[in-house]
N, C-alpha and C. Protein backbone atom coordinates (compact mmCIF):
# COMPACT_ATOMS: atom_id res chain seq x y z
N MET A 1 6.53 55.84 72.97
CA MET A 1 5.90 55.48 74.24
C MET A 1 4.58 54.77 73.96
N ASN A 2 4.33 53.71 74.71
CA ASN A 2 3.09 52.94 74.61
C ASN A 2 2.80 52.51 73.17
N ASP A 3 1.64 52.90 72.61
CA ASP A 3 1.24 52.43 71.28
C ASP A 3 2.08 53.01 70.15
N ARG A 4 2.92 54.01 70.44
CA ARG A 4 3.76 54.61 69.40
C ARG A 4 5.03 53.81 69.14
N ILE A 5 5.30 52.81 69.95
CA ILE A 5 6.50 51.99 69.77
C ILE A 5 6.32 51.12 68.53
N ARG A 6 7.25 51.20 67.57
CA ARG A 6 7.11 50.53 66.27
C ARG A 6 7.80 49.17 66.21
N SER A 7 8.69 48.90 67.15
CA SER A 7 9.42 47.63 67.12
C SER A 7 8.49 46.46 67.43
N ARG A 8 8.86 45.27 66.92
CA ARG A 8 8.05 44.08 67.18
C ARG A 8 8.32 43.53 68.58
N GLU A 9 9.58 43.67 69.03
CA GLU A 9 9.93 43.19 70.36
C GLU A 9 10.94 44.15 71.00
N VAL A 10 11.01 44.12 72.30
CA VAL A 10 11.88 45.03 73.04
C VAL A 10 12.52 44.28 74.21
N ARG A 11 13.66 44.83 74.66
CA ARG A 11 14.26 44.33 75.90
C ARG A 11 13.61 45.11 77.04
N LEU A 12 12.95 44.42 77.94
CA LEU A 12 12.08 45.08 78.90
C LEU A 12 12.73 45.17 80.28
N ILE A 13 12.58 46.37 80.88
CA ILE A 13 13.03 46.62 82.25
C ILE A 13 11.81 46.95 83.09
N GLY A 14 11.71 46.32 84.24
CA GLY A 14 10.56 46.53 85.12
C GLY A 14 10.61 47.87 85.83
N PRO A 15 9.55 48.22 86.53
CA PRO A 15 9.49 49.53 87.21
C PRO A 15 10.51 49.68 88.33
N THR A 16 11.02 48.58 88.87
CA THR A 16 12.03 48.66 89.93
C THR A 16 13.44 48.42 89.39
N GLY A 17 13.58 48.34 88.05
CA GLY A 17 14.90 48.19 87.45
C GLY A 17 15.29 46.76 87.16
N ASP A 18 14.40 45.81 87.43
CA ASP A 18 14.73 44.41 87.17
C ASP A 18 14.62 44.09 85.68
N GLN A 19 15.52 43.23 85.21
CA GLN A 19 15.54 42.85 83.80
C GLN A 19 14.49 41.77 83.56
N LEU A 20 13.58 42.02 82.62
CA LEU A 20 12.49 41.08 82.34
C LEU A 20 12.69 40.34 81.02
N GLY A 21 13.83 40.58 80.37
CA GLY A 21 14.13 39.86 79.14
C GLY A 21 13.49 40.48 77.91
N ILE A 22 13.57 39.77 76.80
CA ILE A 22 13.01 40.26 75.53
C ILE A 22 11.54 39.86 75.45
N LYS A 23 10.71 40.85 75.19
CA LYS A 23 9.27 40.64 75.14
C LYS A 23 8.70 41.22 73.86
N ALA A 24 7.64 40.60 73.36
CA ALA A 24 6.89 41.20 72.26
C ALA A 24 6.22 42.47 72.77
N VAL A 25 6.12 43.47 71.90
CA VAL A 25 5.58 44.76 72.33
C VAL A 25 4.16 44.62 72.90
N PRO A 26 3.26 43.83 72.28
CA PRO A 26 1.92 43.70 72.89
C PRO A 26 1.97 43.15 74.31
N ASP A 27 2.89 42.18 74.55
CA ASP A 27 3.01 41.62 75.90
C ASP A 27 3.55 42.66 76.87
N ALA A 28 4.54 43.43 76.42
CA ALA A 28 5.12 44.47 77.27
C ALA A 28 4.08 45.53 77.61
N LEU A 29 3.27 45.91 76.62
CA LEU A 29 2.21 46.88 76.86
C LEU A 29 1.18 46.35 77.84
N ARG A 30 0.85 45.06 77.71
CA ARG A 30 -0.13 44.45 78.60
C ARG A 30 0.39 44.48 80.05
N MET A 31 1.68 44.20 80.22
CA MET A 31 2.27 44.22 81.56
C MET A 31 2.25 45.63 82.15
N ALA A 32 2.58 46.62 81.32
CA ALA A 32 2.60 48.00 81.80
C ALA A 32 1.20 48.46 82.19
N ARG A 33 0.22 48.16 81.36
CA ARG A 33 -1.14 48.60 81.65
C ARG A 33 -1.71 47.86 82.86
N GLY A 34 -1.27 46.62 83.07
CA GLY A 34 -1.71 45.88 84.24
C GLY A 34 -1.23 46.53 85.53
N LEU A 35 -0.12 47.25 85.45
CA LEU A 35 0.40 47.98 86.61
C LEU A 35 -0.02 49.44 86.62
N GLU A 36 -0.87 49.81 85.63
CA GLU A 36 -1.32 51.19 85.47
C GLU A 36 -0.14 52.14 85.27
N LEU A 37 0.84 51.68 84.47
CA LEU A 37 2.02 52.46 84.16
C LEU A 37 2.20 52.55 82.66
N ASP A 38 3.28 53.20 82.23
CA ASP A 38 3.55 53.40 80.81
C ASP A 38 4.74 52.55 80.35
N LEU A 39 4.77 52.26 79.06
CA LEU A 39 5.91 51.58 78.44
C LEU A 39 6.68 52.64 77.67
N VAL A 40 7.92 52.90 78.11
CA VAL A 40 8.69 54.01 77.55
C VAL A 40 10.00 53.49 76.97
N GLU A 41 10.29 53.92 75.73
CA GLU A 41 11.57 53.58 75.10
C GLU A 41 12.67 54.42 75.75
N VAL A 42 13.68 53.76 76.33
CA VAL A 42 14.78 54.50 76.95
C VAL A 42 16.06 54.37 76.13
N ALA A 43 16.12 53.39 75.24
CA ALA A 43 17.28 53.23 74.34
C ALA A 43 16.77 52.74 73.00
N PRO A 44 16.20 53.66 72.20
CA PRO A 44 15.56 53.26 70.94
C PRO A 44 16.54 52.73 69.90
N ASN A 45 17.82 53.08 70.00
CA ASN A 45 18.80 52.65 68.99
C ASN A 45 19.44 51.31 69.29
N ALA A 46 19.11 50.74 70.46
CA ALA A 46 19.65 49.42 70.79
C ALA A 46 18.96 48.35 69.95
N ASN A 47 19.54 47.17 69.94
CA ASN A 47 18.96 46.07 69.15
C ASN A 47 18.78 44.84 70.05
N PRO A 48 17.57 44.54 70.47
CA PRO A 48 16.33 45.29 70.23
C PRO A 48 16.28 46.53 71.12
N PRO A 49 15.36 47.45 70.82
CA PRO A 49 15.25 48.65 71.65
C PRO A 49 14.94 48.29 73.11
N VAL A 50 15.41 49.15 74.01
CA VAL A 50 15.18 48.93 75.44
C VAL A 50 14.01 49.78 75.89
N CYS A 51 13.06 49.15 76.56
CA CYS A 51 11.91 49.86 77.10
C CYS A 51 11.83 49.62 78.60
N ARG A 52 11.24 50.59 79.28
CA ARG A 52 11.06 50.46 80.73
C ARG A 52 9.63 50.76 81.11
N ILE A 53 9.13 49.99 82.05
CA ILE A 53 7.80 50.25 82.58
C ILE A 53 7.94 51.30 83.68
N MET A 54 7.24 52.43 83.54
CA MET A 54 7.37 53.51 84.50
C MET A 54 6.14 54.42 84.47
N ASP A 55 6.09 55.30 85.47
CA ASP A 55 5.08 56.36 85.49
C ASP A 55 5.69 57.52 84.71
N TYR A 56 5.30 57.68 83.46
CA TYR A 56 5.95 58.67 82.59
C TYR A 56 5.74 60.10 83.10
N GLY A 57 4.55 60.40 83.60
CA GLY A 57 4.28 61.74 84.11
C GLY A 57 5.18 62.08 85.28
N LYS A 58 5.33 61.12 86.20
CA LYS A 58 6.21 61.33 87.35
C LYS A 58 7.66 61.46 86.90
N PHE A 59 8.04 60.65 85.92
CA PHE A 59 9.41 60.70 85.39
C PHE A 59 9.71 62.07 84.80
N LYS A 60 8.80 62.60 83.99
CA LYS A 60 9.01 63.92 83.37
C LYS A 60 9.08 65.02 84.42
N TYR A 61 8.25 64.90 85.45
CA TYR A 61 8.26 65.90 86.52
C TYR A 61 9.60 65.89 87.25
N GLU A 62 10.10 64.71 87.59
CA GLU A 62 11.37 64.61 88.31
C GLU A 62 12.52 65.11 87.46
N GLU A 63 12.50 64.80 86.17
CA GLU A 63 13.55 65.29 85.27
C GLU A 63 13.52 66.82 85.19
N GLY A 64 12.31 67.37 85.15
CA GLY A 64 12.19 68.82 85.11
C GLY A 64 12.72 69.47 86.38
N GLN A 65 12.45 68.83 87.53
CA GLN A 65 12.95 69.36 88.81
C GLN A 65 14.47 69.32 88.86
N LYS A 66 15.05 68.23 88.35
CA LYS A 66 16.51 68.11 88.33
C LYS A 66 17.13 69.19 87.45
N ALA A 67 16.53 69.42 86.29
CA ALA A 67 17.04 70.45 85.39
C ALA A 67 16.91 71.84 86.02
N LYS A 68 15.80 72.05 86.72
CA LYS A 68 15.58 73.34 87.38
C LYS A 68 16.63 73.58 88.46
N GLU A 69 16.93 72.54 89.25
CA GLU A 69 17.94 72.67 90.29
C GLU A 69 19.32 72.92 89.70
N ALA A 70 19.60 72.24 88.58
CA ALA A 70 20.90 72.42 87.93
C ALA A 70 21.06 73.85 87.42
N ARG A 71 19.98 74.39 86.83
CA ARG A 71 20.03 75.78 86.36
C ARG A 71 20.18 76.74 87.52
N LYS A 72 19.48 76.45 88.62
CA LYS A 72 19.55 77.32 89.79
C LYS A 72 20.96 77.37 90.36
N LYS A 73 21.61 76.21 90.43
CA LYS A 73 22.97 76.16 90.95
C LYS A 73 23.94 76.89 90.04
N SER A 74 23.74 76.72 88.73
CA SER A 74 24.68 77.35 87.80
C SER A 74 24.53 78.86 87.77
N THR A 75 23.31 79.36 87.96
CA THR A 75 23.11 80.80 87.92
C THR A 75 23.49 81.46 89.24
N ASN A 76 23.43 80.68 90.34
CA ASN A 76 23.76 81.26 91.64
C ASN A 76 25.26 81.42 91.86
N VAL A 77 26.05 80.64 91.13
CA VAL A 77 27.50 80.74 91.27
C VAL A 77 27.99 81.96 90.51
N SER A 78 28.67 82.85 91.18
CA SER A 78 29.14 84.08 90.54
C SER A 78 30.52 84.42 91.07
N VAL A 79 31.09 85.50 90.52
CA VAL A 79 32.39 85.98 90.99
C VAL A 79 32.17 87.17 91.91
N LYS A 80 32.53 87.01 93.17
CA LYS A 80 32.45 88.08 94.14
C LYS A 80 33.79 88.80 94.19
N GLU A 81 33.75 90.09 94.46
CA GLU A 81 34.98 90.86 94.56
C GLU A 81 35.11 91.46 95.95
N VAL A 82 36.29 91.29 96.54
CA VAL A 82 36.58 91.89 97.84
C VAL A 82 37.83 92.75 97.68
N LYS A 83 37.72 94.03 98.07
CA LYS A 83 38.80 94.99 97.86
C LYS A 83 39.57 95.26 99.15
N TYR A 84 40.88 95.28 99.03
CA TYR A 84 41.77 95.58 100.16
C TYR A 84 42.62 96.80 99.81
N ARG A 85 43.25 97.34 100.84
CA ARG A 85 44.25 98.40 100.66
C ARG A 85 45.59 97.87 101.18
N PRO A 86 46.70 98.28 100.58
CA PRO A 86 48.01 97.79 101.03
C PRO A 86 48.28 98.07 102.51
N LYS A 87 47.76 99.19 103.05
CA LYS A 87 48.00 99.54 104.44
C LYS A 87 46.74 99.34 105.29
N ILE A 88 45.99 98.29 104.98
CA ILE A 88 44.74 98.02 105.68
C ILE A 88 45.01 97.65 107.14
N GLY A 89 44.12 98.07 108.02
CA GLY A 89 44.25 97.74 109.44
C GLY A 89 43.80 96.31 109.70
N LYS A 90 44.20 95.78 110.85
CA LYS A 90 43.90 94.39 111.18
C LYS A 90 42.39 94.13 111.25
N GLY A 91 41.64 95.07 111.85
CA GLY A 91 40.20 94.88 111.97
C GLY A 91 39.52 94.79 110.61
N ASP A 92 39.86 95.72 109.70
CA ASP A 92 39.28 95.69 108.36
C ASP A 92 39.72 94.44 107.61
N PHE A 93 40.98 94.06 107.78
CA PHE A 93 41.48 92.85 107.10
C PHE A 93 40.70 91.63 107.55
N ASP A 94 40.48 91.48 108.84
CA ASP A 94 39.75 90.32 109.36
C ASP A 94 38.32 90.29 108.85
N THR A 95 37.68 91.46 108.81
CA THR A 95 36.28 91.53 108.34
C THR A 95 36.18 91.13 106.87
N LYS A 96 37.04 91.70 106.04
CA LYS A 96 37.01 91.39 104.61
C LYS A 96 37.37 89.93 104.35
N THR A 97 38.31 89.41 105.12
CA THR A 97 38.73 88.02 104.91
C THR A 97 37.64 87.05 105.33
N ARG A 98 36.87 87.41 106.37
CA ARG A 98 35.72 86.57 106.73
C ARG A 98 34.72 86.51 105.59
N ASN A 99 34.54 87.63 104.88
CA ASN A 99 33.65 87.64 103.72
C ASN A 99 34.18 86.73 102.61
N VAL A 100 35.49 86.77 102.40
CA VAL A 100 36.09 85.89 101.39
C VAL A 100 35.81 84.43 101.73
N ILE A 101 36.02 84.06 102.98
CA ILE A 101 35.80 82.68 103.40
C ILE A 101 34.33 82.30 103.25
N ARG A 102 33.43 83.22 103.59
CA ARG A 102 31.99 82.94 103.45
C ARG A 102 31.62 82.71 101.99
N PHE A 103 32.12 83.57 101.09
CA PHE A 103 31.83 83.42 99.67
C PHE A 103 32.34 82.07 99.14
N ILE A 104 33.55 81.70 99.56
CA ILE A 104 34.12 80.43 99.12
C ILE A 104 33.27 79.27 99.62
N ASP A 105 32.84 79.33 100.88
CA ASP A 105 32.00 78.27 101.46
C ASP A 105 30.66 78.15 100.73
N GLU A 106 30.16 79.28 100.20
CA GLU A 106 28.89 79.28 99.48
C GLU A 106 29.05 78.81 98.03
N GLY A 107 30.30 78.56 97.61
CA GLY A 107 30.54 78.05 96.27
C GLY A 107 30.87 79.08 95.22
N HIS A 108 31.09 80.33 95.63
CA HIS A 108 31.41 81.39 94.67
C HIS A 108 32.91 81.49 94.42
N LYS A 109 33.26 82.00 93.27
CA LYS A 109 34.64 82.43 93.04
C LYS A 109 34.81 83.82 93.67
N VAL A 110 36.03 84.13 94.06
CA VAL A 110 36.27 85.42 94.70
C VAL A 110 37.49 86.08 94.06
N LYS A 111 37.29 87.33 93.63
CA LYS A 111 38.39 88.13 93.09
C LYS A 111 38.88 89.05 94.19
N ILE A 112 40.14 88.87 94.57
CA ILE A 112 40.75 89.72 95.59
C ILE A 112 41.47 90.87 94.88
N THR A 113 41.10 92.09 95.18
CA THR A 113 41.68 93.26 94.51
C THR A 113 42.34 94.18 95.52
N LEU A 114 43.56 94.58 95.20
CA LEU A 114 44.29 95.56 96.02
C LEU A 114 44.42 96.84 95.21
N GLN A 115 44.02 97.95 95.81
CA GLN A 115 44.08 99.24 95.14
C GLN A 115 45.21 100.09 95.73
N PHE A 116 46.10 100.53 94.85
CA PHE A 116 47.25 101.34 95.27
C PHE A 116 46.95 102.82 95.02
N ARG A 117 47.45 103.65 95.90
CA ARG A 117 47.30 105.10 95.74
C ARG A 117 48.67 105.77 95.90
N GLY A 118 48.90 106.77 95.06
CA GLY A 118 50.10 107.59 95.19
C GLY A 118 51.38 106.80 95.31
N ARG A 119 52.12 107.05 96.39
CA ARG A 119 53.44 106.43 96.57
C ARG A 119 53.36 104.94 96.88
N GLU A 120 52.16 104.44 97.15
CA GLU A 120 52.02 102.99 97.40
C GLU A 120 52.42 102.18 96.17
N MET A 121 52.35 102.80 94.99
CA MET A 121 52.72 102.10 93.77
C MET A 121 54.19 101.69 93.78
N ALA A 122 55.00 102.36 94.60
CA ALA A 122 56.43 102.04 94.66
C ALA A 122 56.69 100.81 95.52
N HIS A 123 55.64 100.29 96.16
CA HIS A 123 55.83 99.15 97.05
C HIS A 123 54.80 98.04 96.76
N PRO A 124 54.91 97.40 95.59
CA PRO A 124 53.96 96.33 95.27
C PRO A 124 54.08 95.13 96.20
N GLU A 125 55.25 95.02 96.89
CA GLU A 125 55.42 93.89 97.81
C GLU A 125 54.42 93.94 98.96
N LEU A 126 53.92 95.16 99.28
CA LEU A 126 52.89 95.27 100.32
C LEU A 126 51.62 94.56 99.89
N GLY A 127 51.28 94.73 98.62
CA GLY A 127 50.09 94.06 98.08
C GLY A 127 50.27 92.55 98.05
N SER A 128 51.46 92.10 97.67
CA SER A 128 51.73 90.66 97.63
C SER A 128 51.59 90.04 99.01
N LYS A 129 52.03 90.77 100.02
CA LYS A 129 51.93 90.25 101.39
C LYS A 129 50.48 90.13 101.83
N ILE A 130 49.67 91.12 101.46
CA ILE A 130 48.24 91.06 101.81
C ILE A 130 47.60 89.83 101.16
N LEU A 131 47.91 89.60 99.89
CA LEU A 131 47.34 88.44 99.20
C LEU A 131 47.80 87.14 99.84
N ASP A 132 49.07 87.07 100.22
CA ASP A 132 49.58 85.87 100.90
C ASP A 132 48.87 85.65 102.22
N ASP A 133 48.60 86.75 102.95
CA ASP A 133 47.90 86.63 104.23
C ASP A 133 46.47 86.14 104.03
N VAL A 134 45.82 86.60 102.95
CA VAL A 134 44.45 86.14 102.65
C VAL A 134 44.47 84.65 102.35
N LEU A 135 45.42 84.23 101.52
CA LEU A 135 45.52 82.81 101.18
C LEU A 135 45.73 81.96 102.42
N GLU A 136 46.58 82.43 103.31
CA GLU A 136 46.85 81.68 104.54
C GLU A 136 45.60 81.58 105.41
N ALA A 137 44.82 82.67 105.47
CA ALA A 137 43.61 82.68 106.28
C ALA A 137 42.53 81.77 105.70
N VAL A 138 42.41 81.77 104.37
CA VAL A 138 41.39 80.94 103.71
C VAL A 138 41.74 79.47 103.84
N GLY A 139 43.03 79.14 103.76
CA GLY A 139 43.47 77.76 103.92
C GLY A 139 43.19 76.91 102.70
N PRO A 140 43.10 75.59 102.88
CA PRO A 140 42.97 74.67 101.74
C PRO A 140 41.58 74.65 101.11
N ALA A 141 40.61 75.38 101.68
CA ALA A 141 39.25 75.36 101.14
C ALA A 141 39.16 76.02 99.77
N ALA A 142 40.19 76.78 99.38
CA ALA A 142 40.17 77.47 98.08
C ALA A 142 41.46 77.19 97.32
N LYS A 143 41.36 77.30 96.02
CA LYS A 143 42.53 77.17 95.16
C LYS A 143 42.66 78.42 94.30
N VAL A 144 43.87 78.70 93.86
CA VAL A 144 44.13 79.92 93.08
C VAL A 144 43.81 79.65 91.61
N ASP A 145 42.85 80.38 91.07
CA ASP A 145 42.51 80.29 89.65
C ASP A 145 43.42 81.19 88.83
N THR A 146 43.59 82.41 89.29
CA THR A 146 44.42 83.40 88.60
C THR A 146 45.45 83.93 89.57
N GLN A 147 46.72 83.73 89.24
CA GLN A 147 47.79 84.20 90.12
C GLN A 147 47.79 85.73 90.22
N ALA A 148 48.37 86.23 91.30
CA ALA A 148 48.40 87.68 91.53
C ALA A 148 49.15 88.38 90.40
N ARG A 149 48.56 89.46 89.92
CA ARG A 149 49.21 90.25 88.87
C ARG A 149 48.85 91.72 89.04
N LEU A 150 49.79 92.56 88.67
CA LEU A 150 49.63 94.00 88.82
C LEU A 150 49.18 94.60 87.50
N GLU A 151 48.04 95.28 87.53
CA GLU A 151 47.50 95.93 86.34
C GLU A 151 47.17 97.38 86.70
N GLY A 152 47.95 98.31 86.15
CA GLY A 152 47.73 99.71 86.48
C GLY A 152 47.97 99.96 87.96
N ARG A 153 46.94 100.48 88.65
CA ARG A 153 47.06 100.76 90.07
C ARG A 153 46.39 99.69 90.94
N SER A 154 46.17 98.54 90.39
CA SER A 154 45.55 97.48 91.19
C SER A 154 46.25 96.14 90.96
N MET A 155 46.21 95.32 91.99
CA MET A 155 46.74 93.97 91.94
C MET A 155 45.58 93.03 92.28
N SER A 156 45.43 91.96 91.52
CA SER A 156 44.29 91.09 91.75
C SER A 156 44.70 89.62 91.68
N MET A 157 43.86 88.80 92.30
CA MET A 157 44.03 87.35 92.33
C MET A 157 42.63 86.74 92.44
N THR A 158 42.39 85.64 91.75
CA THR A 158 41.07 85.01 91.79
C THR A 158 41.16 83.64 92.45
N LEU A 159 40.26 83.40 93.40
CA LEU A 159 40.18 82.13 94.10
C LEU A 159 38.88 81.43 93.75
N SER A 160 38.89 80.11 93.80
CA SER A 160 37.66 79.33 93.61
C SER A 160 37.62 78.21 94.64
N PRO A 161 36.43 77.71 94.96
CA PRO A 161 36.32 76.66 95.98
C PRO A 161 37.03 75.38 95.54
N ASP A 162 37.73 74.76 96.45
CA ASP A 162 38.30 73.43 96.22
C ASP A 162 37.34 72.44 96.89
N LYS A 163 36.45 71.87 96.10
CA LYS A 163 35.36 71.07 96.66
C LYS A 163 35.87 69.84 97.40
N GLN A 164 36.91 69.20 96.86
CA GLN A 164 37.44 68.01 97.53
C GLN A 164 38.01 68.37 98.89
N ALA A 165 38.75 69.48 98.93
CA ALA A 165 39.32 69.92 100.21
C ALA A 165 38.22 70.33 101.18
N GLN A 166 37.17 70.99 100.69
CA GLN A 166 36.07 71.39 101.56
C GLN A 166 35.38 70.18 102.17
N GLU A 167 35.17 69.13 101.35
CA GLU A 167 34.55 67.91 101.85
C GLU A 167 35.42 67.25 102.91
N ALA A 168 36.74 67.25 102.67
CA ALA A 168 37.67 66.67 103.64
C ALA A 168 37.65 67.45 104.95
N ILE A 169 37.58 68.77 104.85
CA ILE A 169 37.53 69.61 106.06
C ILE A 169 36.25 69.34 106.85
N LYS A 170 35.12 69.27 106.15
CA LYS A 170 33.84 69.00 106.82
C LYS A 170 33.86 67.63 107.49
N LYS A 171 34.42 66.64 106.78
CA LYS A 171 34.48 65.28 107.33
C LYS A 171 35.35 65.25 108.58
N ALA A 172 36.50 65.94 108.52
CA ALA A 172 37.40 65.99 109.69
C ALA A 172 36.72 66.68 110.87
N ALA A 173 35.95 67.75 110.59
CA ALA A 173 35.24 68.46 111.66
C ALA A 173 34.19 67.57 112.31
N VAL A 174 33.46 66.80 111.49
CA VAL A 174 32.45 65.89 112.02
C VAL A 174 33.09 64.82 112.89
N GLU A 175 34.21 64.26 112.40
CA GLU A 175 34.91 63.22 113.17
C GLU A 175 35.43 63.77 114.49
N ALA A 176 35.97 65.00 114.45
CA ALA A 176 36.48 65.61 115.68
C ALA A 176 35.35 65.84 116.69
N GLU A 177 34.18 66.27 116.19
CA GLU A 177 33.04 66.49 117.08
C GLU A 177 32.56 65.19 117.70
N ARG A 178 32.51 64.12 116.88
CA ARG A 178 32.10 62.82 117.41
C ARG A 178 33.07 62.33 118.48
N LYS A 179 34.35 62.52 118.22
CA LYS A 179 35.37 62.08 119.18
C LYS A 179 35.23 62.84 120.49
N ALA A 180 35.02 64.16 120.39
CA ALA A 180 34.87 64.98 121.59
C ALA A 180 33.64 64.56 122.38
N GLN A 181 32.53 64.27 121.67
CA GLN A 181 31.30 63.85 122.35
C GLN A 181 31.50 62.50 123.04
N ALA A 182 32.23 61.59 122.36
CA ALA A 182 32.49 60.27 122.95
C ALA A 182 33.35 60.40 124.20
N GLU A 183 34.36 61.26 124.15
CA GLU A 183 35.23 61.45 125.31
C GLU A 183 34.47 62.08 126.47
N GLN A 184 33.56 63.02 126.15
CA GLN A 184 32.76 63.66 127.20
C GLN A 184 31.82 62.65 127.85
N ALA A 185 31.19 61.80 127.02
CA ALA A 185 30.28 60.79 127.55
C ALA A 185 31.03 59.79 128.41
N GLU A 186 32.23 59.42 127.99
CA GLU A 186 33.05 58.48 128.76
C GLU A 186 33.45 59.09 130.10
N ALA A 187 33.78 60.38 130.09
CA ALA A 187 34.17 61.05 131.33
C ALA A 187 32.99 61.14 132.30
N GLU A 188 31.79 61.36 131.76
CA GLU A 188 30.62 61.48 132.61
C GLU A 188 30.24 60.14 133.24
N GLN A 189 30.53 59.05 132.53
CA GLN A 189 30.17 57.73 133.03
C GLN A 189 31.21 57.17 134.01
N ALA A 190 32.42 57.71 134.00
CA ALA A 190 33.48 57.22 134.88
C ALA A 190 33.11 57.50 136.33
N PRO A 191 33.37 56.55 137.26
CA PRO A 191 33.04 56.78 138.69
C PRO A 191 33.89 57.89 139.25
N GLU A 192 33.28 58.67 140.16
CA GLU A 192 34.00 59.77 140.77
C GLU A 192 35.11 59.23 141.67
N ALA A 193 36.22 59.91 141.68
CA ALA A 193 37.34 59.47 142.50
C ALA A 193 36.97 59.59 143.97
N THR A 194 37.20 58.50 144.73
CA THR A 194 36.87 58.52 146.16
C THR A 194 37.99 59.16 146.95
N ALA A 195 37.62 59.85 148.03
CA ALA A 195 38.63 60.50 148.86
C ALA A 195 39.44 59.45 149.58
N PRO A 196 40.75 59.63 149.77
CA PRO A 196 41.59 58.63 150.44
C PRO A 196 41.13 58.44 151.88
N SER A 197 41.06 57.15 152.31
CA SER A 197 40.60 56.84 153.67
C SER A 197 41.64 57.26 154.69
N GLU A 198 41.17 57.63 155.87
CA GLU A 198 42.07 58.11 156.93
C GLU A 198 42.77 56.92 157.56
N PRO A 199 44.06 56.97 157.74
CA PRO A 199 44.79 55.84 158.33
C PRO A 199 44.22 55.49 159.70
N GLU A 200 44.18 54.15 159.98
CA GLU A 200 43.62 53.67 161.23
C GLU A 200 44.45 54.17 162.42
N GLY A 201 43.81 54.65 163.43
CA GLY A 201 44.51 55.13 164.62
C GLY A 201 44.85 56.60 164.58
N ALA A 202 44.67 57.24 163.43
CA ALA A 202 45.05 58.65 163.32
C ALA A 202 44.18 59.52 164.20
N SER A 203 42.87 59.21 164.23
CA SER A 203 41.97 60.04 165.02
C SER A 203 42.22 59.88 166.51
N ASP A 204 42.60 58.63 166.93
CA ASP A 204 42.89 58.41 168.34
C ASP A 204 44.10 59.20 168.77
N ALA A 205 45.11 59.23 167.88
CA ALA A 205 46.34 59.97 168.22
C ALA A 205 46.05 61.45 168.35
N GLU A 206 45.16 61.96 167.50
CA GLU A 206 44.82 63.38 167.58
C GLU A 206 44.10 63.68 168.89
N ASP A 207 43.19 62.74 169.31
CA ASP A 207 42.48 62.95 170.58
C ASP A 207 43.44 62.99 171.75
N GLU A 208 44.44 62.09 171.72
CA GLU A 208 45.41 62.06 172.81
C GLU A 208 46.19 63.37 172.87
N ASN A 209 46.56 63.88 171.66
CA ASN A 209 47.32 65.14 171.63
C ASN A 209 46.50 66.28 172.21
N VAL A 210 45.21 66.26 171.96
CA VAL A 210 44.34 67.31 172.49
C VAL A 210 44.28 67.23 173.99
N GLU A 211 44.17 66.00 174.53
CA GLU A 211 44.08 65.81 175.97
C GLU A 211 45.36 66.25 176.66
N ASP A 212 46.52 65.89 176.04
CA ASP A 212 47.80 66.26 176.63
C ASP A 212 47.96 67.77 176.68
N GLY A 213 47.42 68.43 175.70
CA GLY A 213 47.61 69.88 175.65
C GLY A 213 46.67 70.63 176.54
N SER A 214 45.65 69.96 177.11
CA SER A 214 44.65 70.66 177.92
C SER A 214 45.14 70.91 179.32
C-alpha cells in the first residue's frame, strides 16, 4: 500500500472503478494523494500488479462489518427440535407445526421427533402419518434433509429451508397483494351504479288508480 508498493508501474483503477490504464507508481501515488486517498494493491500477482485508489480505512471497516455479519448469520443458524406424539391432538399438532414453520422461516433446520410409548411401538405407521401431515403443512418452504427413520422408541426427520422456494413464495405473496390493491382501487374509482329511471307515465297511472279507488 502507498510507498510500500515495489513495482515500477501498475494497472490503475480509480476510486469509482474506472480503468485508468498503466501508470508509473509515483504518478499513481500522486493521483491518490491528490484525492486524499490511498493506493492499494488489489492483485499483486498480476502483470503488472493491479492497484486501486481508495479510502483504505473505510475499506477495512466495511470488510470487517461484512465478516462480522457473515459470522453472525452462521452462528445463528441452528437445528431446532420439535417433538410430537403419535396420538397427538389437533390443537397440540397445530401449535407445534406453527413452531416448525416459524423456525424454517427464520432459516433454521428443524428435527421432527416422534416418541413412542408402550404399545405405540407396534404402530409405526401412526408416526409416519404425523410426519407426512407436518410436511404437508410446511409446504414447499422446506426440503427433507434426512428421511424419516425409526431408532429405538423414536422416529425422526430433519427439514431445512428451501431458500429458492421461500423467495418464490414471498414474491407470489407480494404480487397477489399488489393485484388485490389494484382491484380495490379500481373498484373505488368506478362510478356508482345509477338506479333505473321510472318509466314515463307510470306515476300518472298510479294517481289515476288511487282516484278510482277513492
